[in-house]
Amino acid sequence: MEVSWLFSDRHGDEVIAILRDVDQHEHEKRVEVKRANAEKRKVATMARQQERRRQQEEERLASKAERDRLWEEKHATMERAREEKRATREWARQEKDTKKHQKENLKPPSKQP
């Protein structure tokens, strides 16, 4: 930092050199504090990111488990529907056969020559 109010003819070169050294030292301290704070922020940011990744992974696994559960439920429902349809067809076939046999039994005996 340049000090404009210091003049070498009024204060002397040694005083200006000392003040510049002090200023340089304070500047280095400020830079070091900034560096330390940046490191703290970096560590905190990494921790937040890691936690966010962990949560996203948990959500991904939970949503995958939910998708798998829904898929199983859907296919179980479809399979039940197929079974019901087969049972209904079989029942209809049996009803048809029963009516056919009843109709045949109700026919008068045919006259034999």
C-alpha atoms as a PDB file:
ATOM      1  CA  MET A   1       0.000   0.000   0.000  1.00  0.00           C
ATOM      2  CA  GLU A   2       1.372   3.331  -0.977  1.00  0.00           C
ATOM      3  CA  VAL A   3       1.198   5.951   1.733  1.00  0.00           C
ATOM      4  CA  SER A   4       0.784   9.316   0.033  1.00  0.00           C
ATOM      5  CA  TRP A   5       1.160  11.524   3.077  1.00  0.00           C
ATOM      6  CA  LEU A   6       4.664  10.267   3.867  1.00  0.00           C
ATOM      7  CA  PHE A   7       7.441  12.203   2.332  1.00  0.00           C
ATOM      8  CA  SER A   8      11.014  11.043   2.459  1.00  0.00           C
ATOM      9  CA  ASP A   9      12.381  14.542   2.957  1.00  0.00           C
ATOM     10  CA  ARG A  10      10.108  15.097   5.976  1.00  0.00           C
ATOM     11  CA  HIS A  11      10.086  11.598   7.577  1.00  0.00           C
ATOM     12  CA  GLY A  12      13.237   9.990   6.335  1.00  0.00           C
ATOM     13  CA  ASP A  13      13.807   6.895   4.230  1.00  0.00           C
ATOM     14  CA  GLU A  14      14.223   4.623   7.271  1.00  0.00           C
ATOM     15  CA  VAL A  15      10.790   5.525   8.656  1.00  0.00           C
ATOM     16  CA  ILE A  16       9.179   4.961   5.262  1.00  0.00           C
ATOM     17  CA  ALA A  17      10.940   1.578   4.941  1.00  0.00           C
ATOM     18  CA  ILE A  18       9.735   0.564   8.424  1.00  0.00           C
ATOM     19  CA  LEU A  19       6.166   1.627   7.652  1.00  0.00           C
ATOM     20  CA  ARG A  20       6.239  -0.258   4.359  1.00  0.00           C
ATOM     21  CA  ASP A  21       7.484  -3.373   6.169  1.00  0.00           C
ATOM     22  CA  VAL A  22       4.693  -3.042   8.727  1.00  0.00           C
ATOM     23  CA  ASP A  23       2.167  -2.551   5.949  1.00  0.00           C
ATOM     24  CA  GLN A  24       3.523  -5.570   4.052  1.00  0.00           C
ATOM     25  CA  HIS A  25       3.356  -7.671   7.220  1.00  0.00           C
ATOM     26  CA  GLU A  26      -0.280  -6.633   7.855  1.00  0.00           C
ATOM     27  CA  HIS A  27      -1.111  -7.374   4.229  1.00  0.00           C
ATOM     28  CA  GLU A  28       0.370 -10.870   4.562  1.00  0.00           C
ATOM     29  CA  LYS A  29      -1.663 -11.429   7.750  1.00  0.00           C
ATOM     30  CA  ARG A  30      -4.873 -10.403   5.945  1.00  0.00           C
ATOM     31  CA  VAL A  31      -4.051 -12.722   3.057  1.00  0.00           C
ATOM     32  CA  GLU A  32      -3.384 -15.580   5.496  1.00  0.00           C
ATOM     33  CA  VAL A  33      -6.699 -14.956   7.280  1.00  0.00           C
ATOM     34  CA  LYS A  34      -8.472 -14.948   3.914  1.00  0.00           C
ATOM     35  CA  ARG A  35      -6.725 -18.185   2.972  1.00  0.00           C
ATOM     36  CA  ALA A  36      -7.729 -19.809   6.290  1.00  0.00           C
ATOM     37  CA  ASN A  37     -11.339 -18.674   5.877  1.00  0.00           C
ATOM     38  CA  ALA A  38     -11.365 -19.955   2.308  1.00  0.00           C
ATOM     39  CA  GLU A  39     -10.102 -23.329   3.538  1.00  0.00           C
ATOM     40  CA  LYS A  40     -12.869 -23.450   6.170  1.00  0.00           C
ATOM     41  CA  ARG A  41     -15.473 -22.623   3.524  1.00  0.00           C
ATOM     42  CA  LYS A  42     -14.019 -25.269   1.239  1.00  0.00           C
ATOM     43  CA  VAL A  43     -14.241 -27.931   3.955  1.00  0.00           C
ATOM     44  CA  ALA A  44     -17.807 -26.880   4.816  1.00  0.00           C
ATOM     45  CA  THR A  45     -18.782 -26.900   1.127  1.00  0.00           C
ATOM     46  CA  MET A  46     -17.302 -30.358   0.631  1.00  0.00           C
ATOM     47  CA  ALA A  47     -19.210 -31.630   3.675  1.00  0.00           C
ATOM     48  CA  ARG A  48     -22.479 -30.161   2.351  1.00  0.00           C
ATOM     49  CA  GLN A  49     -21.876 -31.649  -1.090  1.00  0.00           C
ATOM     50  CA  GLN A  50     -21.102 -35.042   0.379  1.00  0.00           C
ATOM     51  CA  GLU A  51     -24.270 -34.916   2.493  1.00  0.00           C
ATOM     52  CA  ARG A  52     -26.294 -33.855  -0.564  1.00  0.00           C
ATOM     53  CA  ARG A  53     -24.830 -36.735  -2.594  1.00  0.00           C
ATOM     54  CA  ARG A  54     -25.666 -39.170   0.227  1.00  0.00           C
ATOM     55  CA  GLN A  55     -29.254 -37.894   0.373  1.00  0.00           C
ATOM     56  CA  GLN A  56     -29.603 -38.087  -3.407  1.00  0.00           C
ATOM     57  CA  GLU A  57     -28.314 -41.669  -3.340  1.00  0.00           C
ATOM     58  CA  GLU A  58     -30.814 -42.548  -0.597  1.00  0.00           C
ATOM     59  CA  GLU A  59     -33.615 -40.926  -2.604  1.00  0.00           C
ATOM     60  CA  ARG A  60     -32.496 -42.741  -5.744  1.00  0.00           C
ATOM     61  CA  LEU A  61     -32.504 -46.086  -3.940  1.00  0.00           C
ATOM     62  CA  ALA A  62     -35.860 -45.315  -2.306  1.00  0.00           C
ATOM     63  CA  SER A  63     -37.399 -44.300  -5.625  1.00  0.00           C
ATOM     64  CA  LYS A  64     -35.936 -47.419  -7.269  1.00  0.00           C
ATOM     65  CA  ALA A  65     -37.438 -49.568  -4.524  1.00  0.00           C
ATOM     66  CA  GLU A  66     -40.762 -47.755  -4.981  1.00  0.00           C
ATOM     67  CA  ARG A  67     -40.613 -48.260  -8.767  1.00  0.00           C
ATOM     68  CA  ASP A  68     -39.828 -51.944  -8.256  1.00  0.00           C
ATOM     69  CA  ARG A  69     -42.710 -52.276  -5.778  1.00  0.00           C
ATOM     70  CA  LEU A  70     -45.110 -50.554  -8.183  1.00  0.00           C
ATOM     71  CA  TRP A  71     -43.894 -52.734 -11.045  1.00  0.00           C
ATOM     72  CA  GLU A  72     -44.476 -55.887  -8.980  1.00  0.00           C
ATOM     73  CA  GLU A  73     -47.904 -54.631  -7.922  1.00  0.00           C
ATOM     74  CA  LYS A  74     -48.853 -53.797 -11.515  1.00  0.00           C
ATOM     75  CA  HIS A  75     -47.764 -57.179 -12.809  1.00  0.00           C
ATOM     76  CA  ALA A  76     -49.481 -59.000  -9.940  1.00  0.00           C
ATOM     77  CA  THR A  77     -52.687 -57.105 -10.772  1.00  0.00           C
ATOM     78  CA  MET A  78     -52.312 -57.986 -14.450  1.00  0.00           C
ATOM     79  CA  GLU A  79     -51.740 -61.638 -13.559  1.00  0.00           C
ATOM     80  CA  ARG A  80     -54.855 -61.668 -11.343  1.00  0.00           C
ATOM     81  CA  ALA A  81     -56.839 -60.137 -14.204  1.00  0.00           C
ATOM     82  CA  ARG A  82     -55.568 -62.856 -16.569  1.00  0.00           C
ATOM     83  CA  GLU A  83     -56.486 -65.557 -14.064  1.00  0.00           C
ATOM     84  CA  GLU A  84     -59.970 -64.066 -13.617  1.00  0.00           C
ATOM     85  CA  LYS A  85     -60.419 -63.924 -17.378  1.00  0.00           C
ATOM     86  CA  ARG A  86     -59.330 -67.568 -17.725  1.00  0.00           C
ATOM     87  CA  ALA A  87     -61.668 -68.573 -14.906  1.00  0.00           C
ATOM     88  CA  THR A  88     -64.549 -66.660 -16.507  1.00  0.00           C
ATOM     89  CA  ARG A  89     -63.899 -68.335 -19.874  1.00  0.00           C
ATOM     90  CA  GLU A  90     -63.734 -71.737 -18.215  1.00  0.00           C
ATOM     91  CA  TRP A  91     -66.964 -71.062 -16.326  1.00  0.00           C
ATOM     92  CA  ALA A  92     -68.680 -69.907 -19.539  1.00  0.00           C
ATOM     93  CA  ARG A  93     -67.448 -73.038 -21.325  1.00  0.00           C
ATOM     94  CA  GLN A  94     -68.779 -75.250 -18.527  1.00  0.00           C
ATOM     95  CA  GLU A  95     -72.134 -73.442 -18.567  1.00  0.00           C
ATOM     96  CA  LYS A  96     -72.360 -73.927 -22.313  1.00  0.00           C
ATOM     97  CA  ASP A  97     -71.511 -77.617 -21.986  1.00  0.00           C
ATOM     98  CA  THR A  98     -74.034 -78.017 -19.157  1.00  0.00           C
ATOM     99  CA  LYS A  99     -76.806 -76.383 -21.198  1.00  0.00           C
ATOM    100  CA  LYS A 100     -75.882 -78.503 -24.188  1.00  0.00           C
ATOM    101  CA  HIS A 101     -76.117 -81.716 -22.142  1.00  0.00           C
ATOM    102  CA  GLN A 102     -79.390 -80.608 -20.579  1.00  0.00           C
ATOM    103  CA  LYS A 103     -80.794 -79.861 -24.013  1.00  0.00           C
ATOM    104  CA  GLU A 104     -79.706 -83.265 -25.288  1.00  0.00           C
ATOM    105  CA  ASN A 105     -81.276 -84.993 -22.285  1.00  0.00           C
ATOM    106  CA  LEU A 106     -84.569 -83.157 -22.778  1.00  0.00           C
ATOM    107  CA  LYS A 107     -84.960 -84.259 -26.388  1.00  0.00           C
ATOM    108  CA  PRO A 108     -87.544 -86.939 -26.831  1.00  0.00           C
ATOM    109  CA  PRO A 109     -86.047 -90.274 -27.670  1.00  0.00           C
ATOM    110  CA  SER A 110     -85.792 -90.698 -31.338  1.00  0.00           C
ATOM    111  CA  LYS A 111     -87.970 -93.284 -32.916  1.00  0.00           C
ATOM    112  CA  GLN A 112     -86.062 -96.216 -34.058  1.00  0.00           C
ATOM    113  CA  PRO A 113     -87.261 -98.051 -37.143  1.00  0.00           C
END
